[in-house]
Amino acid sequence: MFSDRLVSLCLPCLAVATLLAACSGPDASVEATDGDNALVTNRGEGKDEWWNALPRKEWAEFPRVETSQNWFEVYDVGSGVKAIYEPGQFEEVISYLIEGDESALLFDSGLGIGDMGALVAELTRKPVMVLNSHTHYDHIGGNHQFDFILAQTLPYTVERSRGLGNDKVGEYAGPGWIWKDTPEGFDPDTFQTRPFGVSRSIKDGETIELGGRTLEVLFTPGHAPDALCLVDRAKGLLFVGDTFYLAPLYTHLEGSDFSA
C-alpha cells in the first residue's frame, strides 16, 4: 500500500532499522569493544556491533545540509522536510522538521545530547511547534528548548513530561551506546531528559495547519501508549514514528501493547 518514497520518510526508533542511512559517517571517538557490544546485544536484528554498519548507504539519496553541530547529520529529503539524524548513539534516532508557508512542525526532538533548539533555529526562521511521535526518551530530549508543544493528555505522557533522571536514562549515554564525539560539556553521568511544558492537547483525527500545508494526526498506540502518526495527504507523505520500521518492532516495553 505504501510506496518506497513513503517508507523512506518514516521515523526509525529503538531498534532502529535501515529506513534512512548516512552518506558520510562521523569520526569515531569511542573505540568499540566486545564488552561494549555486550551492553546492546539482543536489542534488535543487525544491531550487534551496530557502529560497523555506518555510514548507512541509503542516506546517499539525499542532499546533506551543513550545520554548525557535528553531533547531528541533517538531510533535505524533499517536500519541505528535513531529516535530523543522530548516528552517534545506538538508537540512530531521526527527527523531522516539516515546514509550511507560515510555520513549521518538529516531529520529535531527539536525544537531548546535541542542541536541538539551536539547530532548528539554523534550519528555519519560521515559528516552530513540537509534536512527538511518542514520549520515549530518544524522541523528547530537546522538548524543553521549545515554547510550543502539542501532546496527548494520557497519564503516560504527563508523567514523562516531568522528565527522566540519570538513573532512568544515564546508561544510554554510556559505553556501547555512543561511539562518536559528544558536544563539548556533555557529561554522561548527568545525562537526563529535562521536563517540558505542554502548550495544547491534541486529539485523534485533528489537523494541524502550517500555512499551505495540513498535517492530520492519527493515534496509533502499541509501541507506546501515546504513539501517533502524521499524514500529509496533499503531498502523499506518512510519518510513522516507531509505529513501523524495517526491524523488529519493540512492543515489550513498559506501556507497550502488542495486541494494539
C-alpha atoms as a PDB file:
ATOM      1  CA  MET A   1       0.000   0.000   0.000  1.00  0.00           C
ATOM      2  CA  PHE A   2       2.844   2.379   0.768  1.00  0.00           C
ATOM      3  CA  SER A   3       5.400   3.443  -1.802  1.00  0.00           C
ATOM      4  CA  ASP A   4       9.154   3.260  -1.248  1.00  0.00           C
ATOM      5  CA  ARG A   5       9.123   7.045  -1.018  1.00  0.00           C
ATOM      6  CA  LEU A   6       6.699   6.965   1.882  1.00  0.00           C
ATOM      7  CA  VAL A   7       8.749   4.394   3.734  1.00  0.00           C
ATOM      8  CA  SER A   8      11.890   6.456   3.221  1.00  0.00           C
ATOM      9  CA  LEU A   9      10.334   9.278   5.234  1.00  0.00           C
ATOM     10  CA  CYS A  10       9.308   7.126   8.178  1.00  0.00           C
ATOM     11  CA  LEU A  11      10.992   7.594  11.537  1.00  0.00           C
ATOM     12  CA  PRO A  12      13.130   4.758  12.860  1.00  0.00           C
ATOM     13  CA  CYS A  13      13.427   4.085  16.556  1.00  0.00           C
ATOM     14  CA  LEU A  14      14.619   1.998  19.478  1.00  0.00           C
ATOM     15  CA  ALA A  15      15.596  -0.967  17.302  1.00  0.00           C
ATOM     16  CA  VAL A  16      16.473   1.416  14.516  1.00  0.00           C
ATOM     17  CA  ALA A  17      16.249  -0.017  11.041  1.00  0.00           C
ATOM     18  CA  THR A  18      17.800   0.908   7.754  1.00  0.00           C
ATOM     19  CA  LEU A  19      14.972   3.191   6.636  1.00  0.00           C
ATOM     20  CA  LEU A  20      17.414   6.032   6.147  1.00  0.00           C
ATOM     21  CA  ALA A  21      21.162   5.894   6.435  1.00  0.00           C
ATOM     22  CA  ALA A  22      24.233   8.042   6.419  1.00  0.00           C
ATOM     23  CA  CYS A  23      26.090   9.058   3.297  1.00  0.00           C
ATOM     24  CA  SER A  24      29.025  10.146   5.427  1.00  0.00           C
ATOM     25  CA  GLY A  25      29.810   8.762   8.866  1.00  0.00           C
ATOM     26  CA  PRO A  26      31.219  10.823  11.736  1.00  0.00           C
ATOM     27  CA  ASP A  27      34.703  10.262  13.137  1.00  0.00           C
ATOM     28  CA  ALA A  28      34.638   7.637  15.876  1.00  0.00           C
ATOM     29  CA  SER A  29      35.829   8.821  19.257  1.00  0.00           C
ATOM     30  CA  VAL A  30      34.910   5.732  21.267  1.00  0.00           C
ATOM     31  CA  GLU A  31      36.635   2.513  20.326  1.00  0.00           C
ATOM     32  CA  ALA A  32      34.025  -0.232  20.257  1.00  0.00           C
ATOM     33  CA  THR A  33      34.904  -3.387  22.152  1.00  0.00           C
ATOM     34  CA  ASP A  34      33.271  -6.756  22.748  1.00  0.00           C
ATOM     35  CA  GLY A  35      32.490  -5.616  26.255  1.00  0.00           C
ATOM     36  CA  ASP A  36      30.748  -2.523  24.936  1.00  0.00           C
ATOM     37  CA  ASN A  37      28.763  -4.549  22.439  1.00  0.00           C
ATOM     38  CA  ALA A  38      27.509  -6.837  25.211  1.00  0.00           C
ATOM     39  CA  LEU A  39      25.536  -3.915  26.615  1.00  0.00           C
ATOM     40  CA  VAL A  40      23.433  -3.571  23.460  1.00  0.00           C
ATOM     41  CA  THR A  41      23.339  -7.206  22.352  1.00  0.00           C
ATOM     42  CA  ASN A  42      19.916  -8.694  21.512  1.00  0.00           C
ATOM     43  CA  ARG A  43      18.303  -5.270  21.166  1.00  0.00           C
ATOM     44  CA  GLY A  44      17.351  -5.828  17.546  1.00  0.00           C
ATOM     45  CA  GLU A  45      18.333  -7.809  14.486  1.00  0.00           C
ATOM     46  CA  GLY A  46      21.518  -6.481  12.931  1.00  0.00           C
ATOM     47  CA  LYS A  47      22.300  -4.237  15.890  1.00  0.00           C
ATOM     48  CA  ASP A  48      25.254  -6.188  17.317  1.00  0.00           C
ATOM     49  CA  GLU A  49      28.341  -4.050  16.725  1.00  0.00           C
ATOM     50  CA  TRP A  50      25.964  -1.563  15.095  1.00  0.00           C
ATOM     51  CA  TRP A  51      28.716   1.027  14.592  1.00  0.00           C
ATOM     52  CA  ASN A  52      30.270  -1.165  11.906  1.00  0.00           C
ATOM     53  CA  ALA A  53      27.188  -0.668   9.713  1.00  0.00           C
ATOM     54  CA  LEU A  54      27.831   3.075   9.489  1.00  0.00           C
ATOM     55  CA  PRO A  55      27.671   5.031   7.302  1.00  0.00           C
ATOM     56  CA  ARG A  56      24.334   3.729   6.087  1.00  0.00           C
ATOM     57  CA  LYS A  57      24.234   3.917   2.304  1.00  0.00           C
ATOM     58  CA  GLU A  58      20.576   4.910   1.965  1.00  0.00           C
ATOM     59  CA  TRP A  59      21.328   8.483   3.035  1.00  0.00           C
ATOM     60  CA  ALA A  60      23.305   8.997  -0.180  1.00  0.00           C
ATOM     61  CA  GLU A  61      19.981   9.628  -1.971  1.00  0.00           C
ATOM     62  CA  PHE A  62      19.503  12.912  -0.102  1.00  0.00           C
ATOM     63  CA  PRO A  63      21.450  16.206  -0.091  1.00  0.00           C
ATOM     64  CA  ARG A  64      23.355  16.858   3.151  1.00  0.00           C
ATOM     65  CA  VAL A  65      22.568  20.173   4.857  1.00  0.00           C
ATOM     66  CA  GLU A  66      25.614  21.687   6.538  1.00  0.00           C
ATOM     67  CA  THR A  67      25.101  22.945  10.091  1.00  0.00           C
ATOM     68  CA  SER A  68      27.303  24.123  12.947  1.00  0.00           C
ATOM     69  CA  GLN A  69      26.856  20.970  15.067  1.00  0.00           C
ATOM     70  CA  ASN A  70      28.792  17.800  14.339  1.00  0.00           C
ATOM     71  CA  TRP A  71      26.548  15.687  16.543  1.00  0.00           C
ATOM     72  CA  PHE A  72      23.714  15.898  14.016  1.00  0.00           C
ATOM     73  CA  GLU A  73      23.514  14.986  10.354  1.00  0.00           C
ATOM     74  CA  VAL A  74      20.763  16.865   8.517  1.00  0.00           C
ATOM     75  CA  TYR A  75      19.356  15.833   5.147  1.00  0.00           C
ATOM     76  CA  ASP A  76      16.899  17.521   2.806  1.00  0.00           C
ATOM     77  CA  VAL A  77      14.517  14.685   1.997  1.00  0.00           C
ATOM     78  CA  GLY A  78      12.269  16.838  -0.203  1.00  0.00           C
ATOM     79  CA  SER A  79       8.749  18.254   0.015  1.00  0.00           C
ATOM     80  CA  GLY A  80       9.789  20.831   2.598  1.00  0.00           C
ATOM     81  CA  VAL A  81      11.045  18.189   5.035  1.00  0.00           C
ATOM     82  CA  LYS A  82      14.457  17.937   6.677  1.00  0.00           C
ATOM     83  CA  ALA A  83      15.584  14.787   8.464  1.00  0.00           C
ATOM     84  CA  ILE A  84      17.684  15.379  11.594  1.00  0.00           C
ATOM     85  CA  TYR A  85      19.719  12.237  12.214  1.00  0.00           C
ATOM     86  CA  GLU A  86      21.778  11.316  15.304  1.00  0.00           C
ATOM     87  CA  PRO A  87      24.040   8.449  14.174  1.00  0.00           C
ATOM     88  CA  GLY A  88      26.435   8.693  17.095  1.00  0.00           C
ATOM     89  CA  GLN A  89      24.168   6.838  19.517  1.00  0.00           C
ATOM     90  CA  PHE A  90      22.684   3.348  19.351  1.00  0.00           C
ATOM     91  CA  GLU A  91      19.110   4.479  18.675  1.00  0.00           C
ATOM     92  CA  GLU A  92      20.193   6.341  15.490  1.00  0.00           C
ATOM     93  CA  VAL A  93      17.092   8.423  16.074  1.00  0.00           C
ATOM     94  CA  ILE A  94      15.737  10.733  13.371  1.00  0.00           C
ATOM     95  CA  SER A  95      13.567  13.780  13.965  1.00  0.00           C
ATOM     96  CA  TYR A  96      11.780  15.635  11.161  1.00  0.00           C
ATOM     97  CA  LEU A  97      11.358  19.363  10.547  1.00  0.00           C
ATOM     98  CA  ILE A  98       8.248  19.829   8.410  1.00  0.00           C
ATOM     99  CA  GLU A  99       7.747  23.342   7.001  1.00  0.00           C
ATOM    100  CA  GLY A 100       4.661  25.114   5.763  1.00  0.00           C
ATOM    101  CA  ASP A 101       4.365  28.637   4.369  1.00  0.00           C
ATOM    102  CA  GLU A 102       3.788  30.210   7.778  1.00  0.00           C
ATOM    103  CA  SER A 103       5.132  27.849  10.431  1.00  0.00           C
ATOM    104  CA  ALA A 104       6.957  24.577  10.949  1.00  0.00           C
ATOM    105  CA  LEU A 105       6.456  21.423  12.997  1.00  0.00           C
ATOM    106  CA  LEU A 106       9.281  19.464  14.586  1.00  0.00           C
ATOM    107  CA  PHE A 107       8.217  15.829  14.727  1.00  0.00           C
ATOM    108  CA  ASP A 108      10.311  14.611  17.680  1.00  0.00           C
ATOM    109  CA  SER A 109      13.248  16.424  19.256  1.00  0.00           C
ATOM    110  CA  GLY A 110      15.844  13.664  19.560  1.00  0.00           C
ATOM    111  CA  LEU A 111      18.072  12.539  22.388  1.00  0.00           C
ATOM    112  CA  GLY A 112      18.920  15.821  24.063  1.00  0.00           C
ATOM    113  CA  ILE A 113      22.655  15.274  23.567  1.00  0.00           C
ATOM    114  CA  GLY A 114      23.060  17.946  20.885  1.00  0.00           C
ATOM    115  CA  ASP A 115      21.453  21.401  20.948  1.00  0.00           C
ATOM    116  CA  MET A 116      18.244  20.771  19.019  1.00  0.00           C
ATOM    117  CA  GLY A 117      16.902  24.264  19.681  1.00  0.00           C
ATOM    118  CA  ALA A 118      19.920  25.958  18.144  1.00  0.00           C
ATOM    119  CA  LEU A 119      19.952  23.526  15.232  1.00  0.00           C
ATOM    120  CA  VAL A 120      16.320  24.157  14.321  1.00  0.00           C
ATOM    121  CA  ALA A 121      16.937  27.906  14.520  1.00  0.00           C
ATOM    122  CA  GLU A 122      19.624  27.429  11.852  1.00  0.00           C
ATOM    123  CA  LEU A 123      17.252  25.485   9.626  1.00  0.00           C
ATOM    124  CA  THR A 124      14.196  27.768   9.691  1.00  0.00           C
ATOM    125  CA  ARG A 125      13.155  31.265  10.751  1.00  0.00           C
ATOM    126  CA  LYS A 126       9.508  30.275  10.992  1.00  0.00           C
ATOM    127  CA  PRO A 127       7.705  29.699  14.306  1.00  0.00           C
ATOM    128  CA  VAL A 128       8.174  26.072  15.354  1.00  0.00           C
ATOM    129  CA  MET A 129       5.838  23.793  17.272  1.00  0.00           C
ATOM    130  CA  VAL A 130       6.832  20.363  18.560  1.00  0.00           C
ATOM    131  CA  LEU A 131       4.826  17.164  18.382  1.00  0.00           C
ATOM    132  CA  ASN A 132       6.322  13.865  19.496  1.00  0.00           C
ATOM    133  CA  SER A 133       5.636  10.585  17.733  1.00  0.00           C
ATOM    134  CA  HIS A 134       5.680   9.199  21.299  1.00  0.00           C
ATOM    135  CA  THR A 135       7.454  10.040  24.540  1.00  0.00           C
ATOM    136  CA  HIS A 136      10.278   7.510  24.757  1.00  0.00           C
ATOM    137  CA  TYR A 137      13.487   9.198  25.896  1.00  0.00           C
ATOM    138  CA  ASP A 138      15.152   9.352  22.471  1.00  0.00           C
ATOM    139  CA  HIS A 139      12.295  11.362  20.969  1.00  0.00           C
ATOM    140  CA  ILE A 140      11.731  14.048  23.626  1.00  0.00           C
ATOM    141  CA  GLY A 141      15.251  15.080  24.647  1.00  0.00           C
ATOM    142  CA  GLY A 142      15.072  18.556  23.106  1.00  0.00           C
ATOM    143  CA  ASN A 143      11.462  19.349  24.002  1.00  0.00           C
ATOM    144  CA  HIS A 144      12.428  21.665  26.857  1.00  0.00           C
ATOM    145  CA  GLN A 145      14.076  24.046  24.375  1.00  0.00           C
ATOM    146  CA  PHE A 146      10.817  24.894  22.610  1.00  0.00           C
ATOM    147  CA  ASP A 147       7.961  27.158  23.683  1.00  0.00           C
ATOM    148  CA  PHE A 148       5.036  25.452  21.956  1.00  0.00           C
ATOM    149  CA  ILE A 149       4.496  21.716  22.381  1.00  0.00           C
ATOM    150  CA  LEU A 150       1.474  19.646  21.390  1.00  0.00           C
ATOM    151  CA  ALA A 151       0.832  16.423  23.273  1.00  0.00           C
ATOM    152  CA  GLN A 152      -1.756  13.918  24.388  1.00  0.00           C
ATOM    153  CA  THR A 153      -3.252  14.038  27.877  1.00  0.00           C
ATOM    154  CA  LEU A 154      -2.612  10.397  28.748  1.00  0.00           C
ATOM    155  CA  PRO A 155      -1.163   9.738  32.225  1.00  0.00           C
ATOM    156  CA  TYR A 156       1.845   8.132  30.492  1.00  0.00           C
ATOM    157  CA  THR A 157       2.531  11.317  28.539  1.00  0.00           C
ATOM    158  CA  VAL A 158       2.023  13.585  31.527  1.00  0.00           C
ATOM    159  CA  GLU A 159       4.397  11.514  33.643  1.00  0.00           C
ATOM    160  CA  ARG A 160       7.142  11.580  31.040  1.00  0.00           C
ATOM    161  CA  SER A 161       6.763  15.313  30.520  1.00  0.00           C
ATOM    162  CA  ARG A 162       8.068  15.657  34.083  1.00  0.00           C
ATOM    163  CA  GLY A 163      11.461  14.430  32.930  1.00  0.00           C
ATOM    164  CA  LEU A 164      13.571  11.295  33.274  1.00  0.00           C
ATOM    165  CA  GLY A 165      16.540  11.348  35.636  1.00  0.00           C
ATOM    166  CA  ASN A 166      20.021   9.985  35.078  1.00  0.00           C
ATOM    167  CA  ASP A 167      19.011   6.820  36.911  1.00  0.00           C
ATOM    168  CA  LYS A 168      16.485   6.176  34.122  1.00  0.00           C
ATOM    169  CA  VAL A 169      18.418   7.202  31.018  1.00  0.00           C
ATOM    170  CA  GLY A 170      22.069   7.524  32.017  1.00  0.00           C
ATOM    171  CA  GLU A 171      23.058   4.108  30.685  1.00  0.00           C
ATOM    172  CA  TYR A 172      22.017   5.178  27.167  1.00  0.00           C
ATOM    173  CA  ALA A 173      24.859   7.689  27.118  1.00  0.00           C
ATOM    174  CA  GLY A 174      27.423   5.182  28.376  1.00  0.00           C
ATOM    175  CA  PRO A 175      29.737   2.508  26.915  1.00  0.00           C
ATOM    176  CA  GLY A 176      28.361   0.611  23.953  1.00  0.00           C
ATOM    177  CA  TRP A 177      25.691   3.246  23.300  1.00  0.00           C
ATOM    178  CA  ILE A 178      27.729   6.174  21.973  1.00  0.00           C
ATOM    179  CA  TRP A 179      30.624   5.881  19.513  1.00  0.00           C
ATOM    180  CA  LYS A 180      31.350   9.434  18.280  1.00  0.00           C
ATOM    181  CA  ASP A 181      32.407  12.714  19.841  1.00  0.00           C
ATOM    182  CA  THR A 182      29.695  14.243  22.005  1.00  0.00           C
ATOM    183  CA  PRO A 183      29.283  18.029  22.223  1.00  0.00           C
ATOM    184  CA  GLU A 184      31.652  19.944  24.473  1.00  0.00           C
ATOM    185  CA  GLY A 185      30.419  19.918  28.060  1.00  0.00           C
ATOM    186  CA  PHE A 186      28.255  16.832  27.682  1.00  0.00           C
ATOM    187  CA  ASP A 187      28.540  14.524  30.701  1.00  0.00           C
ATOM    188  CA  PRO A 188      27.002  11.018  30.571  1.00  0.00           C
ATOM    189  CA  ASP A 189      26.976  10.961  34.358  1.00  0.00           C
ATOM    190  CA  THR A 190      24.439  13.791  34.403  1.00  0.00           C
ATOM    191  CA  PHE A 191      22.567  12.956  31.199  1.00  0.00           C
ATOM    192  CA  GLN A 192      18.820  13.254  31.741  1.00  0.00           C
ATOM    193  CA  THR A 193      15.611  14.128  29.951  1.00  0.00           C
ATOM    194  CA  ARG A 194      14.586  17.537  31.179  1.00  0.00           C
ATOM    195  CA  PRO A 195      10.932  18.384  31.998  1.00  0.00           C
ATOM    196  CA  PHE A 196       8.888  20.189  29.381  1.00  0.00           C
ATOM    197  CA  GLY A 197       5.576  22.015  29.336  1.00  0.00           C
ATOM    198  CA  VAL A 198       2.621  21.140  27.129  1.00  0.00           C
ATOM    199  CA  SER A 199       1.033  24.108  25.392  1.00  0.00           C
ATOM    200  CA  ARG A 200      -2.035  22.377  23.991  1.00  0.00           C
ATOM    201  CA  SER A 201      -3.501  18.893  23.970  1.00  0.00           C
ATOM    202  CA  ILE A 202      -4.239  17.139  20.707  1.00  0.00           C
ATOM    203  CA  LYS A 203      -6.989  14.747  19.672  1.00  0.00           C
ATOM    204  CA  ASP A 204      -7.104  11.806  17.319  1.00  0.00           C
ATOM    205  CA  GLY A 205      -8.025  12.916  13.807  1.00  0.00           C
ATOM    206  CA  GLU A 206      -7.409  16.629  14.296  1.00  0.00           C
ATOM    207  CA  THR A 207      -5.477  18.629  11.739  1.00  0.00           C
ATOM    208  CA  ILE A 208      -2.526  20.970  12.184  1.00  0.00           C
ATOM    209  CA  GLU A 209      -2.248  23.914   9.809  1.00  0.00           C
ATOM    210  CA  LEU A 210       1.217  25.176   8.887  1.00  0.00           C
ATOM    211  CA  GLY A 211       0.149  27.541   6.122  1.00  0.00           C
ATOM    212  CA  GLY A 212      -0.429  25.862   2.773  1.00  0.00           C
ATOM    213  CA  ARG A 213       0.222  22.558   4.476  1.00  0.00           C
ATOM    214  CA  THR A 214      -2.115  20.406   6.560  1.00  0.00           C
ATOM    215  CA  LEU A 215      -0.990  17.541   8.783  1.00  0.00           C
ATOM    216  CA  GLU A 216      -3.522  15.051  10.113  1.00  0.00           C
ATOM    217  CA  VAL A 217      -2.913  13.385  13.484  1.00  0.00           C
ATOM    218  CA  LEU A 218      -3.620   9.656  13.848  1.00  0.00           C
ATOM    219  CA  PHE A 219      -3.305   7.975  17.243  1.00  0.00           C
ATOM    220  CA  THR A 220      -1.575   4.599  16.847  1.00  0.00           C
ATOM    221  CA  PRO A 221      -0.873   3.123  20.309  1.00  0.00           C
ATOM    222  CA  GLY A 222       1.110  -0.112  20.520  1.00  0.00           C
ATOM    223  CA  HIS A 223       4.815   0.654  20.634  1.00  0.00           C
ATOM    224  CA  ALA A 224       3.934   3.255  23.267  1.00  0.00           C
ATOM    225  CA  PRO A 225       0.563   4.293  24.717  1.00  0.00           C
ATOM    226  CA  ASP A 226       0.886   7.765  23.177  1.00  0.00           C
ATOM    227  CA  ALA A 227       2.269   6.736  19.778  1.00  0.00           C
ATOM    228  CA  LEU A 228       0.893   8.672  16.824  1.00  0.00           C
ATOM    229  CA  CYS A 229       1.427   9.224  13.118  1.00  0.00           C
ATOM    230  CA  LEU A 230       1.163  12.275  10.884  1.00  0.00           C
ATOM    231  CA  VAL A 231      -0.394  12.233   7.422  1.00  0.00           C
ATOM    232  CA  ASP A 232       0.209  14.872   4.767  1.00  0.00           C
ATOM    233  CA  ARG A 233      -2.441  13.839   2.273  1.00  0.00           C
ATOM    234  CA  ALA A 234      -1.702  16.575  -0.246  1.00  0.00           C
ATOM    235  CA  LYS A 235       1.931  15.526  -0.581  1.00  0.00           C
ATOM    236  CA  GLY A 236       1.295  11.813  -0.057  1.00  0.00           C
ATOM    237  CA  LEU A 237       3.537  11.533   2.988  1.00  0.00           C
ATOM    238  CA  LEU A 238       3.135   9.404   6.097  1.00  0.00           C
ATOM    239  CA  PHE A 239       5.307   9.966   9.183  1.00  0.00           C
ATOM    240  CA  VAL A 240       5.041   6.887  11.365  1.00  0.00           C
ATOM    241  CA  GLY A 241       7.410   7.359  14.287  1.00  0.00           C
ATOM    242  CA  ASP A 242       8.130   3.986  15.847  1.00  0.00           C
ATOM    243  CA  THR A 243       4.771   2.542  14.835  1.00  0.00           C
ATOM    244  CA  PHE A 244       6.520   0.962  11.843  1.00  0.00           C
ATOM    245  CA  TYR A 245      10.141   0.496  10.859  1.00  0.00           C
ATOM    246  CA  LEU A 246      12.235  -2.059   8.991  1.00  0.00           C
ATOM    247  CA  ALA A 247      13.428  -4.026  12.010  1.00  0.00           C
ATOM    248  CA  PRO A 248      11.912  -5.974  14.926  1.00  0.00           C
ATOM    249  CA  LEU A 249       9.173  -3.811  16.425  1.00  0.00           C
ATOM    250  CA  TYR A 250       9.506  -3.133  20.157  1.00  0.00           C
ATOM    251  CA  THR A 251       6.252  -3.919  21.945  1.00  0.00           C
ATOM    252  CA  HIS A 252       7.684  -5.354  25.160  1.00  0.00           C
ATOM    253  CA  LEU A 253       8.459  -2.055  26.877  1.00  0.00           C
ATOM    254  CA  GLU A 254       6.575  -0.501  29.765  1.00  0.00           C
ATOM    255  CA  GLY A 255       3.285   0.779  28.366  1.00  0.00           C
ATOM    256  CA  SER A 256       3.611  -1.163  25.091  1.00  0.00           C
ATOM    257  CA  ASP A 257       0.693  -3.226  23.837  1.00  0.00           C
ATOM    258  CA  PHE A 258       1.400  -5.975  21.306  1.00  0.00           C
ATOM    259  CA  SER A 259      -2.280  -6.545  20.525  1.00  0.00           C
ATOM    260  CA  ALA A 260      -2.864  -2.844  19.840  1.00  0.00           C
END
